[in-house]
Amino acid sequence: MALSPQITNLIIILGMMQVSKRVPFDDPFVLNVVRAIYLASNVLIAGLYFFTQLKINKKKGMTTPQLPTKPFQTIRY
């Protein structure tokens, strides 16, 4: 039985709230490490986005994604 995305997001948010209560953000070193991790994650996300966009533009991909009629059905191109 899989959890819905809403429940998964709620669990992640509540878990991170509990973790953030235990992290000593008063320490400047810890605060700067957390800022660096946040910055690195955003750079990684932007890099993946631009890499994917580059691959799509290189193939001149104008095809629209086809949604399967049945769940877990593979689409042959």
PDB file of N, CA and C in Angstrom:
ATOM      1  N   MET A   1       0.844  -1.171   0.000  1.00  0.00           N
ATOM      2  CA  MET A   1       0.000   0.000   0.000  1.00  0.00           C
ATOM      3  C   MET A   1       0.892   1.238   0.000  1.00  0.00           C
ATOM      4  N   ALA A   2       0.731   2.064  -0.996  1.00  0.00           N
ATOM      5  CA  ALA A   2       1.547   3.271  -1.122  1.00  0.00           C
ATOM      6  C   ALA A   2       0.839   4.459  -0.479  1.00  0.00           C
ATOM      7  N   LEU A   3       1.648   5.340   0.055  1.00  0.00           N
ATOM      8  CA  LEU A   3       1.098   6.562   0.637  1.00  0.00           C
ATOM      9  C   LEU A   3       0.866   7.588  -0.461  1.00  0.00           C
ATOM     10  N   SER A   4      -0.135   8.410  -0.265  1.00  0.00           N
ATOM     11  CA  SER A   4      -0.387   9.461  -1.242  1.00  0.00           C
ATOM     12  C   SER A   4       0.701  10.529  -1.122  1.00  0.00           C
ATOM     13  N   PRO A   5       0.942  11.279  -2.177  1.00  0.00           N
ATOM     14  CA  PRO A   5       1.974  12.323  -2.121  1.00  0.00           C
ATOM     15  C   PRO A   5       1.711  13.367  -1.035  1.00  0.00           C
ATOM     16  N   GLN A   6       0.443  13.654  -0.766  1.00  0.00           N
ATOM     17  CA  GLN A   6       0.130  14.642   0.269  1.00  0.00           C
ATOM     18  C   GLN A   6       0.575  14.146   1.641  1.00  0.00           C
ATOM     19  N   ILE A   7       0.312  12.874   1.925  1.00  0.00           N
ATOM     20  CA  ILE A   7       0.706  12.302   3.215  1.00  0.00           C
ATOM     21  C   ILE A   7       2.226  12.232   3.318  1.00  0.00           C
ATOM     22  N   THR A   8       2.882  11.867   2.225  1.00  0.00           N
ATOM     23  CA  THR A   8       4.343  11.812   2.223  1.00  0.00           C
ATOM     24  C   THR A   8       4.937  13.187   2.502  1.00  0.00           C
ATOM     25  N   ASN A   9       4.403  14.223   1.843  1.00  0.00           N
ATOM     26  CA  ASN A   9       4.888  15.586   2.081  1.00  0.00           C
ATOM     27  C   ASN A   9       4.662  16.007   3.524  1.00  0.00           C
ATOM     28  N   LEU A  10       3.523  15.660   4.083  1.00  0.00           N
ATOM     29  CA  LEU A  10       3.222  16.004   5.472  1.00  0.00           C
ATOM     30  C   LEU A  10       4.207  15.329   6.424  1.00  0.00           C
ATOM     31  N   ILE A  11       4.509  14.059   6.172  1.00  0.00           N
ATOM     32  CA  ILE A  11       5.464  13.333   7.013  1.00  0.00           C
ATOM     33  C   ILE A  11       6.852  13.971   6.925  1.00  0.00           C
ATOM     34  N   ILE A  12       7.259  14.331   5.712  1.00  0.00           N
ATOM     35  CA  ILE A  12       8.571  14.963   5.536  1.00  0.00           C
ATOM     36  C   ILE A  12       8.628  16.303   6.258  1.00  0.00           C
ATOM     37  N   ILE A  13       7.584  17.118   6.111  1.00  0.00           N
ATOM     38  CA  ILE A  13       7.561  18.436   6.755  1.00  0.00           C
ATOM     39  C   ILE A  13       7.593  18.303   8.267  1.00  0.00           C
ATOM     40  N   LEU A  14       6.767  17.419   8.820  1.00  0.00           N
ATOM     41  CA  LEU A  14       6.748  17.247  10.273  1.00  0.00           C
ATOM     42  C   LEU A  14       8.074  16.682  10.782  1.00  0.00           C
ATOM     43  N   GLY A  15       8.669  15.778  10.032  1.00  0.00           N
ATOM     44  CA  GLY A  15       9.972  15.236  10.416  1.00  0.00           C
ATOM     45  C   GLY A  15      11.060  16.297  10.400  1.00  0.00           C
ATOM     46  N   MET A  16      11.058  17.132   9.362  1.00  0.00           N
ATOM     47  CA  MET A  16      12.064  18.191   9.286  1.00  0.00           C
ATOM     48  C   MET A  16      11.855  19.246  10.366  1.00  0.00           C
ATOM     49  N   MET A  17      10.612  19.476  10.767  1.00  0.00           N
ATOM     50  CA  MET A  17      10.362  20.403  11.872  1.00  0.00           C
ATOM     51  C   MET A  17      10.975  19.866  13.161  1.00  0.00           C
ATOM     52  N   GLN A  18      10.869  18.562  13.388  1.00  0.00           N
ATOM     53  CA  GLN A  18      11.460  17.969  14.584  1.00  0.00           C
ATOM     54  C   GLN A  18      12.988  18.029  14.532  1.00  0.00           C
ATOM     55  N   VAL A  19      13.552  17.801  13.347  1.00  0.00           N
ATOM     56  CA  VAL A  19      15.005  17.881  13.198  1.00  0.00           C
ATOM     57  C   VAL A  19      15.482  19.315  13.424  1.00  0.00           C
ATOM     58  N   SER A  20      14.747  20.289  12.876  1.00  0.00           N
ATOM     59  CA  SER A  20      15.181  21.686  13.005  1.00  0.00           C
ATOM     60  C   SER A  20      15.126  22.173  14.451  1.00  0.00           C
ATOM     61  N   LYS A  21      14.290  21.565  15.272  1.00  0.00           N
ATOM     62  CA  LYS A  21      14.257  21.942  16.690  1.00  0.00           C
ATOM     63  C   LYS A  21      15.540  21.525  17.400  1.00  0.00           C
ATOM     64  N   ARG A  22      16.178  20.462  16.911  1.00  0.00           N
ATOM     65  CA  ARG A  22      17.352  19.920  17.585  1.00  0.00           C
ATOM     66  C   ARG A  22      18.669  20.467  17.040  1.00  0.00           C
ATOM     67  N   VAL A  23      18.633  21.175  15.917  1.00  0.00           N
ATOM     68  CA  VAL A  23      19.854  21.726  15.326  1.00  0.00           C
ATOM     69  C   VAL A  23      20.156  23.069  15.987  1.00  0.00           C
ATOM     70  N   PRO A  24      21.375  23.251  16.489  1.00  0.00           N
ATOM     71  CA  PRO A  24      21.712  24.514  17.165  1.00  0.00           C
ATOM     72  C   PRO A  24      22.014  25.632  16.160  1.00  0.00           C
ATOM     73  N   PHE A  25      20.991  26.340  15.734  1.00  0.00           N
ATOM     74  CA  PHE A  25      21.166  27.414  14.765  1.00  0.00           C
ATOM     75  C   PHE A  25      21.811  28.657  15.378  1.00  0.00           C
ATOM     76  N   ASP A  26      22.023  28.678  16.689  1.00  0.00           N
ATOM     77  CA  ASP A  26      22.700  29.803  17.329  1.00  0.00           C
ATOM     78  C   ASP A  26      24.191  29.804  17.006  1.00  0.00           C
ATOM     79  N   ASP A  27      24.727  28.623  16.717  1.00  0.00           N
ATOM     80  CA  ASP A  27      26.143  28.506  16.366  1.00  0.00           C
ATOM     81  C   ASP A  27      26.338  28.991  14.924  1.00  0.00           C
ATOM     82  N   PRO A  28      27.188  30.001  14.697  1.00  0.00           N
ATOM     83  CA  PRO A  28      27.376  30.532  13.339  1.00  0.00           C
ATOM     84  C   PRO A  28      27.911  29.490  12.356  1.00  0.00           C
ATOM     85  N   PHE A  29      28.751  28.556  12.831  1.00  0.00           N
ATOM     86  CA  PHE A  29      29.284  27.529  11.940  1.00  0.00           C
ATOM     87  C   PHE A  29      28.166  26.624  11.432  1.00  0.00           C
ATOM     88  N   VAL A  30      27.295  26.186  12.329  1.00  0.00           N
ATOM     89  CA  VAL A  30      26.176  25.319  11.946  1.00  0.00           C
ATOM     90  C   VAL A  30      25.256  26.059  10.983  1.00  0.00           C
ATOM     91  N   LEU A  31      24.993  27.322  11.268  1.00  0.00           N
ATOM     92  CA  LEU A  31      24.123  28.124  10.408  1.00  0.00           C
ATOM     93  C   LEU A  31      24.712  28.256   9.007  1.00  0.00           C
ATOM     94  N   ASN A  32      26.017  28.490   8.916  1.00  0.00           N
ATOM     95  CA  ASN A  32      26.650  28.617   7.603  1.00  0.00           C
ATOM     96  C   ASN A  32      26.689  27.286   6.858  1.00  0.00           C
ATOM     97  N   VAL A  33      26.841  26.177   7.578  1.00  0.00           N
ATOM     98  CA  VAL A  33      26.805  24.858   6.930  1.00  0.00           C
ATOM     99  C   VAL A  33      25.416  24.595   6.353  1.00  0.00           C
ATOM    100  N   VAL A  34      24.381  24.921   7.107  1.00  0.00           N
ATOM    101  CA  VAL A  34      23.008  24.727   6.622  1.00  0.00           C
ATOM    102  C   VAL A  34      22.748  25.619   5.414  1.00  0.00           C
ATOM    103  N   ARG A  35      23.242  26.845   5.454  1.00  0.00           N
ATOM    104  CA  ARG A  35      23.091  27.748   4.301  1.00  0.00           C
ATOM    105  C   ARG A  35      23.815  27.196   3.078  1.00  0.00           C
ATOM    106  N   ALA A  36      25.004  26.641   3.284  1.00  0.00           N
ATOM    107  CA  ALA A  36      25.771  26.071   2.172  1.00  0.00           C
ATOM    108  C   ALA A  36      25.055  24.862   1.573  1.00  0.00           C
ATOM    109  N   ILE A  37      24.474  24.026   2.421  1.00  0.00           N
ATOM    110  CA  ILE A  37      23.716  22.865   1.928  1.00  0.00           C
ATOM    111  C   ILE A  37      22.503  23.326   1.124  1.00  0.00           C
ATOM    112  N   TYR A  38      21.822  24.350   1.616  1.00  0.00           N
ATOM    113  CA  TYR A  38      20.659  24.887   0.904  1.00  0.00           C
ATOM    114  C   TYR A  38      21.079  25.446  -0.454  1.00  0.00           C
ATOM    115  N   LEU A  39      22.166  26.201  -0.475  1.00  0.00           N
ATOM    116  CA  LEU A  39      22.651  26.771  -1.725  1.00  0.00           C
ATOM    117  C   LEU A  39      23.071  25.669  -2.700  1.00  0.00           C
ATOM    118  N   ALA A  40      23.767  24.655  -2.198  1.00  0.00           N
ATOM    119  CA  ALA A  40      24.206  23.552  -3.055  1.00  0.00           C
ATOM    120  C   ALA A  40      23.018  22.785  -3.632  1.00  0.00           C
ATOM    121  N   SER A  41      21.968  22.597  -2.839  1.00  0.00           N
ATOM    122  CA  SER A  41      20.795  21.884  -3.355  1.00  0.00           C
ATOM    123  C   SER A  41      20.109  22.688  -4.452  1.00  0.00           C
ATOM    124  N   ASN A  42      20.047  24.017  -4.290  1.00  0.00           N
ATOM    125  CA  ASN A  42      19.436  24.842  -5.330  1.00  0.00           C
ATOM    126  C   ASN A  42      20.272  24.865  -6.601  1.00  0.00           C
ATOM    127  N   VAL A  43      21.594  24.888  -6.456  1.00  0.00           N
ATOM    128  CA  VAL A  43      22.470  24.835  -7.633  1.00  0.00           C
ATOM    129  C   VAL A  43      22.312  23.494  -8.348  1.00  0.00           C
ATOM    130  N   LEU A  44      22.209  22.406  -7.595  1.00  0.00           N
ATOM    131  CA  LEU A  44      22.007  21.081  -8.185  1.00  0.00           C
ATOM    132  C   LEU A  44      20.681  21.009  -8.941  1.00  0.00           C
ATOM    133  N   ILE A  45      19.622  21.539  -8.351  1.00  0.00           N
ATOM    134  CA  ILE A  45      18.311  21.525  -9.002  1.00  0.00           C
ATOM    135  C   ILE A  45      18.342  22.346 -10.287  1.00  0.00           C
ATOM    136  N   ALA A  46      18.954  23.538 -10.230  1.00  0.00           N
ATOM    137  CA  ALA A  46      19.052  24.375 -11.429  1.00  0.00           C
ATOM    138  C   ALA A  46      19.897  23.688 -12.496  1.00  0.00           C
ATOM    139  N   GLY A  47      20.980  23.032 -12.085  1.00  0.00           N
ATOM    140  CA  GLY A  47      21.819  22.318 -13.042  1.00  0.00           C
ATOM    141  C   GLY A  47      21.081  21.185 -13.728  1.00  0.00           C
ATOM    142  N   LEU A  48      20.319  20.416 -12.969  1.00  0.00           N
ATOM    143  CA  LEU A  48      19.523  19.335 -13.567  1.00  0.00           C
ATOM    144  C   LEU A  48      18.472  19.880 -14.526  1.00  0.00           C
ATOM    145  N   TYR A  49      17.866  21.005 -14.158  1.00  0.00           N
ATOM    146  CA  TYR A  49      16.858  21.614 -15.021  1.00  0.00           C
ATOM    147  C   TYR A  49      17.482  22.039 -16.349  1.00  0.00           C
ATOM    148  N   PHE A  50      18.617  22.753 -16.280  1.00  0.00           N
ATOM    149  CA  PHE A  50      19.238  23.234 -17.510  1.00  0.00           C
ATOM    150  C   PHE A  50      19.819  22.090 -18.332  1.00  0.00           C
ATOM    151  N   PHE A  51      20.318  21.036 -17.687  1.00  0.00           N
ATOM    152  CA  PHE A  51      20.817  19.868 -18.409  1.00  0.00           C
ATOM    153  C   PHE A  51      19.679  19.189 -19.174  1.00  0.00           C
ATOM    154  N   THR A  52      18.537  19.024 -18.507  1.00  0.00           N
ATOM    155  CA  THR A  52      17.379  18.411 -19.160  1.00  0.00           C
ATOM    156  C   THR A  52      16.880  19.280 -20.305  1.00  0.00           C
ATOM    157  N   GLN A  53      16.833  20.588 -20.079  1.00  0.00           N
ATOM    158  CA  GLN A  53      16.396  21.512 -21.128  1.00  0.00           C
ATOM    159  C   GLN A  53      17.351  21.459 -22.320  1.00  0.00           C
ATOM    160  N   LEU A  54      18.653  21.361 -22.062  1.00  0.00           N
ATOM    161  CA  LEU A  54      19.642  21.271 -23.129  1.00  0.00           C
ATOM    162  C   LEU A  54      19.442  20.004 -23.951  1.00  0.00           C
ATOM    163  N   LYS A  55      19.204  18.872 -23.280  1.00  0.00           N
ATOM    164  CA  LYS A  55      18.988  17.610 -23.992  1.00  0.00           C
ATOM    165  C   LYS A  55      17.728  17.665 -24.857  1.00  0.00           C
ATOM    166  N   ILE A  56      16.659  18.269 -24.334  1.00  0.00           N
ATOM    167  CA  ILE A  56      15.411  18.369 -25.096  1.00  0.00           C
ATOM    168  C   ILE A  56      15.600  19.276 -26.298  1.00  0.00           C
ATOM    169  N   ASN A  57      16.254  20.418 -26.094  1.00  0.00           N
ATOM    170  CA  ASN A  57      16.469  21.353 -27.200  1.00  0.00           C
ATOM    171  C   ASN A  57      17.420  20.790 -28.244  1.00  0.00           C
ATOM    172  N   LYS A  58      18.373  19.956 -27.822  1.00  0.00           N
ATOM    173  CA  LYS A  58      19.307  19.360 -28.764  1.00  0.00           C
ATOM    174  C   LYS A  58      18.582  18.396 -29.702  1.00  0.00           C
ATOM    175  N   LYS A  59      17.584  17.682 -29.185  1.00  0.00           N
ATOM    176  CA  LYS A  59      16.807  16.754 -30.007  1.00  0.00           C
ATOM    177  C   LYS A  59      15.652  17.454 -30.705  1.00  0.00           C
ATOM    178  N   LYS A  60      15.467  18.731 -30.420  1.00  0.00           N
ATOM    179  CA  LYS A  60      14.323  19.495 -30.928  1.00  0.00           C
ATOM    180  C   LYS A  60      13.031  18.750 -30.614  1.00  0.00           C
ATOM    181  N   GLY A  61      12.935  18.297 -29.386  1.00  0.00           N
ATOM    182  CA  GLY A  61      11.806  17.479 -28.960  1.00  0.00           C
ATOM    183  C   GLY A  61      10.526  18.287 -28.848  1.00  0.00           C
ATOM    184  N   MET A  62       9.625  18.061 -29.763  1.00  0.00           N
ATOM    185  CA  MET A  62       8.332  18.741 -29.736  1.00  0.00           C
ATOM    186  C   MET A  62       7.198  17.749 -29.511  1.00  0.00           C
ATOM    187  N   THR A  63       7.535  16.508 -29.177  1.00  0.00           N
ATOM    188  CA  THR A  63       6.490  15.519 -28.949  1.00  0.00           C
ATOM    189  C   THR A  63       5.852  15.753 -27.591  1.00  0.00           C
ATOM    190  N   THR A  64       4.567  15.526 -27.539  1.00  0.00           N
ATOM    191  CA  THR A  64       3.866  15.657 -26.268  1.00  0.00           C
ATOM    192  C   THR A  64       3.912  14.317 -25.551  1.00  0.00           C
ATOM    193  N   PRO A  65       4.061  14.335 -24.249  1.00  0.00           N
ATOM    194  CA  PRO A  65       4.085  13.064 -23.520  1.00  0.00           C
ATOM    195  C   PRO A  65       2.752  12.342 -23.638  1.00  0.00           C
ATOM    196  N   GLN A  66       2.810  11.030 -23.855  1.00  0.00           N
ATOM    197  CA  GLN A  66       1.596  10.233 -23.942  1.00  0.00           C
ATOM    198  C   GLN A  66       1.334   9.601 -22.590  1.00  0.00           C
ATOM    199  N   LEU A  67       0.126   9.752 -22.105  1.00  0.00           N
ATOM    200  CA  LEU A  67      -0.248   9.163 -20.834  1.00  0.00           C
ATOM    201  C   LEU A  67      -0.837   7.783 -21.073  1.00  0.00           C
ATOM    202  N   PRO A  68      -0.436   6.792 -20.295  1.00  0.00           N
ATOM    203  CA  PRO A  68      -0.991   5.449 -20.483  1.00  0.00           C
ATOM    204  C   PRO A  68      -2.456   5.407 -20.069  1.00  0.00           C
ATOM    205  N   THR A  69      -3.224   4.564 -20.755  1.00  0.00           N
ATOM    206  CA  THR A  69      -4.642   4.448 -20.425  1.00  0.00           C
ATOM    207  C   THR A  69      -4.848   3.635 -19.158  1.00  0.00           C
ATOM    208  N   LYS A  70      -3.953   2.671 -18.909  1.00  0.00           N
ATOM    209  CA  LYS A  70      -4.037   1.847 -17.705  1.00  0.00           C
ATOM    210  C   LYS A  70      -2.826   2.150 -16.830  1.00  0.00           C
ATOM    211  N   PRO A  71      -2.982   2.061 -15.520  1.00  0.00           N
ATOM    212  CA  PRO A  71      -1.818   2.283 -14.652  1.00  0.00           C
ATOM    213  C   PRO A  71      -0.733   1.242 -14.898  1.00  0.00           C
ATOM    214  N   PHE A  72       0.511   1.659 -14.829  1.00  0.00           N
ATOM    215  CA  PHE A  72       1.694   0.813 -14.985  1.00  0.00           C
ATOM    216  C   PHE A  72       1.800   0.195 -16.372  1.00  0.00           C
ATOM    217  N   GLN A  73       1.166   0.802 -17.359  1.00  0.00           N
ATOM    218  CA  GLN A  73       1.273   0.328 -18.732  1.00  0.00           C
ATOM    219  C   GLN A  73       2.453   1.050 -19.381  1.00  0.00           C
ATOM    220  N   THR A  74       3.299   0.315 -20.092  1.00  0.00           N
ATOM    221  CA  THR A  74       4.424   0.943 -20.771  1.00  0.00           C
ATOM    222  C   THR A  74       3.988   1.382 -22.154  1.00  0.00           C
ATOM    223  N   ILE A  75       4.504   2.518 -22.576  1.00  0.00           N
ATOM    224  CA  ILE A  75       4.176   3.064 -23.887  1.00  0.00           C
ATOM    225  C   ILE A  75       5.352   2.798 -24.809  1.00  0.00           C
ATOM    226  N   ARG A  76       5.087   2.204 -25.947  1.00  0.00           N
ATOM    227  CA  ARG A  76       6.117   1.944 -26.947  1.00  0.00           C
ATOM    228  C   ARG A  76       6.121   3.110 -27.928  1.00  0.00           C
ATOM    229  N   TYR A  77       7.313   3.680 -28.142  1.00  0.00           N
ATOM    230  CA  TYR A  77       7.421   4.801 -29.081  1.00  0.00           C
ATOM    231  C   TYR A  77       7.850   4.325 -30.423  1.00  0.00           C
TER     232      TYR A  77
END
